[in-house]
Amino acid sequence: MQGNVWEWCHDYYEAVYYKQSPGQDPQGPASGYSHVLRGGSWCDEACYARAAERDHFGSFENGSSVGFRVVLELD
């Protein structure tokens, strides 16, 4: 999945969040302007095409290298 488009995540972005977050399953800040992006895109170098790669993108911005993944939760 990595490398096609940056995956726009539900989590809000805060530059120093991980310094103060829980070690397991951090949920991200409760609010913010930018959302977390993960995974790199077609217009980046190959080293960015990994799940741990993280960036941010404004909630009201758009671009050809950003997308999202549709998820269906089953009971």
Protein backbone atom coordinates (compact mmCIF):
# COMPACT_ATOMS: atom_id res chain seq x y z
CA MET A 1 0.00 0.00 0.00
CA GLN A 2 2.86 2.41 0.67
CA GLY A 3 4.16 4.58 -2.13
CA ASN A 4 0.98 5.12 -4.14
CA VAL A 5 -0.34 8.17 -2.25
CA TRP A 6 0.24 9.46 1.26
CA GLU A 7 -2.45 7.94 3.47
CA TRP A 8 -4.49 10.69 5.15
CA CYS A 9 -5.18 9.43 8.69
CA HIS A 10 -7.92 10.32 11.16
CA ASP A 11 -5.34 11.36 13.81
CA TYR A 12 -4.57 15.03 14.20
CA TYR A 13 -0.93 16.04 13.90
CA GLU A 14 1.19 17.63 16.62
CA ALA A 15 4.96 17.85 16.10
CA VAL A 16 5.92 16.88 19.68
CA TYR A 17 3.02 14.52 20.43
CA TYR A 18 5.09 11.32 20.53
CA LYS A 19 7.41 12.75 23.17
CA GLN A 20 4.50 12.77 25.64
CA SER A 21 2.19 10.05 24.27
CA PRO A 22 1.53 6.56 25.67
CA GLY A 23 4.00 3.96 24.43
CA GLN A 24 1.28 1.67 23.11
CA ASP A 25 -1.50 2.67 20.69
CA PRO A 26 -1.22 6.47 20.90
CA GLN A 27 -4.46 8.09 19.70
CA GLY A 28 -3.08 11.50 18.75
CA PRO A 29 -4.24 14.93 19.93
CA ALA A 30 -7.99 15.51 20.36
CA SER A 31 -8.06 18.39 17.86
CA GLY A 32 -5.88 20.33 15.44
CA TYR A 33 -5.56 21.82 11.96
CA SER A 34 -3.42 19.18 10.26
CA HIS A 35 -3.97 15.44 9.98
CA VAL A 36 -1.24 12.80 9.99
CA LEU A 37 -0.09 11.41 6.65
CA ARG A 38 1.64 8.04 6.41
CA GLY A 39 3.47 5.99 3.81
CA GLY A 40 4.94 8.28 1.15
CA SER A 41 3.62 8.76 -2.39
CA TRP A 42 4.45 8.36 -6.06
CA CYS A 43 6.22 11.75 -6.12
CA ASP A 44 8.63 10.98 -3.23
CA GLU A 45 11.87 9.04 -3.03
CA ALA A 46 11.53 5.29 -2.36
CA CYS A 47 12.88 5.63 1.20
CA TYR A 48 9.60 7.39 2.18
CA ALA A 49 7.45 4.43 1.09
CA ARG A 50 7.10 2.82 4.52
CA ALA A 51 4.34 2.70 7.15
CA ALA A 52 6.48 4.46 9.76
CA GLU A 53 6.99 7.50 7.53
CA ARG A 54 4.93 10.35 8.96
CA ASP A 55 4.09 13.84 7.74
CA HIS A 56 1.12 16.20 8.05
CA PHE A 57 -1.39 17.90 5.78
CA GLY A 58 -3.97 20.61 6.46
CA SER A 59 -7.52 19.36 6.91
CA PHE A 60 -8.84 21.65 4.16
CA GLU A 61 -6.00 21.22 1.66
CA ASN A 62 -5.97 18.92 -1.35
CA GLY A 63 -3.29 17.36 -3.51
CA SER A 64 -2.68 14.61 -6.05
CA SER A 65 -0.33 12.72 -3.73
CA VAL A 66 -2.75 12.36 -0.78
CA GLY A 67 -5.57 9.83 -0.40
CA PHE A 68 -7.31 7.71 2.21
CA ARG A 69 -8.20 4.09 2.78
CA VAL A 70 -11.82 3.01 3.19
CA VAL A 71 -12.31 0.61 6.11
CA LEU A 72 -15.36 -1.49 6.99
CA GLU A 73 -15.43 -2.79 10.56
CA LEU A 74 -17.27 -6.10 10.96
CA ASP A 75 -18.88 -7.18 14.23
